[in-house]
Amino acid sequence: MREGKYEASEQSRVGTAITFLLIGLGAGTLIGLLFAPKSGKQMRKDLRRKYEGARETIDEWKEDAKDAAEEALERGSEIAEELRDRVSPLAKKLTRR
């Protein structure tokens, strides 16, 4: 019999962690299904409603972001034009010399 220190490899640790993660997820899913207060049909209906609500919220955020980006571009164009108008007389004077 050999004596010595046992050192687990890095792959062994990752594999063990993934195994325990999958076991925990499976147990959590099973417990959730056992204690679920709603039937499958009701659960699917609720999930569909929540999905549609989340989708509408994301669409609203997308529209708000689009509007904000358009406003920022418009304001940036206005600022660039204003700066161009202020700088062009100075640039003309410098090029004449």
Protein backbone atom coordinates (compact mmCIF):
# COMPACT_ATOMS: atom_id res chain seq x y z
CA MET A 1 0.00 0.00 0.00
CA ARG A 2 1.31 3.44 -0.94
CA GLU A 3 1.39 6.32 1.43
CA GLY A 4 1.28 9.94 0.42
CA LYS A 5 -0.81 13.00 -0.01
CA TYR A 6 -3.86 12.86 -2.21
CA GLU A 7 -4.37 15.97 -4.29
CA ALA A 8 -7.46 16.31 -6.41
CA SER A 9 -6.90 17.63 -9.91
CA GLU A 10 -8.59 20.82 -11.10
CA GLN A 11 -10.76 18.83 -13.53
CA SER A 12 -11.94 16.62 -10.68
CA ARG A 13 -13.06 19.64 -8.66
CA VAL A 14 -14.94 21.17 -11.58
CA GLY A 15 -16.61 17.86 -12.39
CA THR A 16 -17.67 17.40 -8.78
CA ALA A 17 -19.05 20.94 -8.61
CA ILE A 18 -21.05 20.45 -11.82
CA THR A 19 -22.39 17.11 -10.56
CA PHE A 20 -23.61 18.64 -7.31
CA LEU A 21 -25.08 21.59 -9.21
CA LEU A 22 -27.10 19.28 -11.45
CA ILE A 23 -28.25 17.20 -8.49
CA GLY A 24 -29.37 20.38 -6.69
CA LEU A 25 -31.21 21.69 -9.76
CA GLY A 26 -32.98 18.37 -10.22
CA ALA A 27 -33.98 18.17 -6.56
CA GLY A 28 -35.20 21.77 -6.59
CA THR A 29 -37.27 21.16 -9.71
CA LEU A 30 -38.80 18.01 -8.26
CA ILE A 31 -39.68 19.72 -4.97
CA GLY A 32 -41.11 22.70 -6.85
CA LEU A 33 -43.34 20.46 -8.94
CA LEU A 34 -44.50 18.48 -5.91
CA PHE A 35 -45.46 21.59 -3.98
CA ALA A 36 -46.78 23.65 -6.89
CA PRO A 37 -50.21 25.05 -5.95
CA LYS A 38 -51.43 25.20 -9.55
CA SER A 39 -52.17 22.64 -12.18
CA GLY A 40 -50.08 22.44 -15.32
CA LYS A 41 -52.71 24.23 -17.40
CA GLN A 42 -52.95 27.11 -14.92
CA MET A 43 -49.16 27.30 -14.63
CA ARG A 44 -48.73 27.51 -18.42
CA LYS A 45 -51.40 30.22 -18.60
CA ASP A 46 -49.66 32.25 -15.88
CA LEU A 47 -46.27 31.76 -17.51
CA ARG A 48 -47.70 32.89 -20.86
CA ARG A 49 -49.17 36.04 -19.24
CA LYS A 50 -45.89 36.84 -17.52
CA TYR A 51 -43.94 36.23 -20.72
CA GLU A 52 -46.24 38.56 -22.67
CA GLY A 53 -46.00 41.19 -19.94
CA ALA A 54 -42.21 40.99 -19.94
CA ARG A 55 -42.17 41.18 -23.72
CA GLU A 56 -44.36 44.31 -23.68
CA THR A 57 -42.10 45.90 -21.07
CA ILE A 58 -39.01 45.15 -23.16
CA ASP A 59 -40.72 46.59 -26.24
CA GLU A 60 -41.52 49.76 -24.29
CA TRP A 61 -37.91 50.02 -23.10
CA LYS A 62 -36.74 49.51 -26.66
CA GLU A 63 -38.99 52.33 -27.90
CA ASP A 64 -37.82 54.62 -25.07
CA ALA A 65 -34.18 53.86 -25.89
CA LYS A 66 -34.83 54.48 -29.58
CA ASP A 67 -36.48 57.83 -28.82
CA ALA A 68 -33.63 58.83 -26.50
CA ALA A 69 -31.04 57.90 -29.13
CA GLU A 70 -32.87 59.90 -31.80
CA GLU A 71 -33.05 62.92 -29.49
CA ALA A 72 -29.35 62.60 -28.67
CA LEU A 73 -28.45 62.41 -32.38
CA GLU A 74 -30.62 65.41 -33.14
CA ARG A 75 -29.10 67.42 -30.30
CA GLY A 76 -25.60 66.37 -31.37
CA SER A 77 -26.30 67.55 -34.91
CA GLU A 78 -27.56 70.87 -33.59
CA ILE A 79 -24.45 71.34 -31.45
CA ALA A 80 -22.14 70.40 -34.35
CA GLU A 81 -23.88 72.88 -36.64
CA GLU A 82 -23.71 75.61 -34.01
CA LEU A 83 -20.00 74.99 -33.50
CA ARG A 84 -19.43 74.96 -37.26
CA ASP A 85 -21.18 78.34 -37.56
CA ARG A 86 -19.04 79.80 -34.77
CA VAL A 87 -15.75 78.40 -36.05
CA SER A 88 -16.15 79.08 -39.78
CA PRO A 89 -15.54 82.88 -39.52
CA LEU A 90 -12.44 82.21 -37.45
CA ALA A 91 -11.22 79.59 -39.91
CA LYS A 92 -11.74 82.03 -42.82
CA LYS A 93 -9.70 84.68 -41.04
CA LEU A 94 -6.88 82.24 -40.35
CA THR A 95 -6.75 80.98 -43.94
CA ARG A 96 -6.57 84.54 -45.35
CA ARG A 97 -3.37 85.35 -43.47
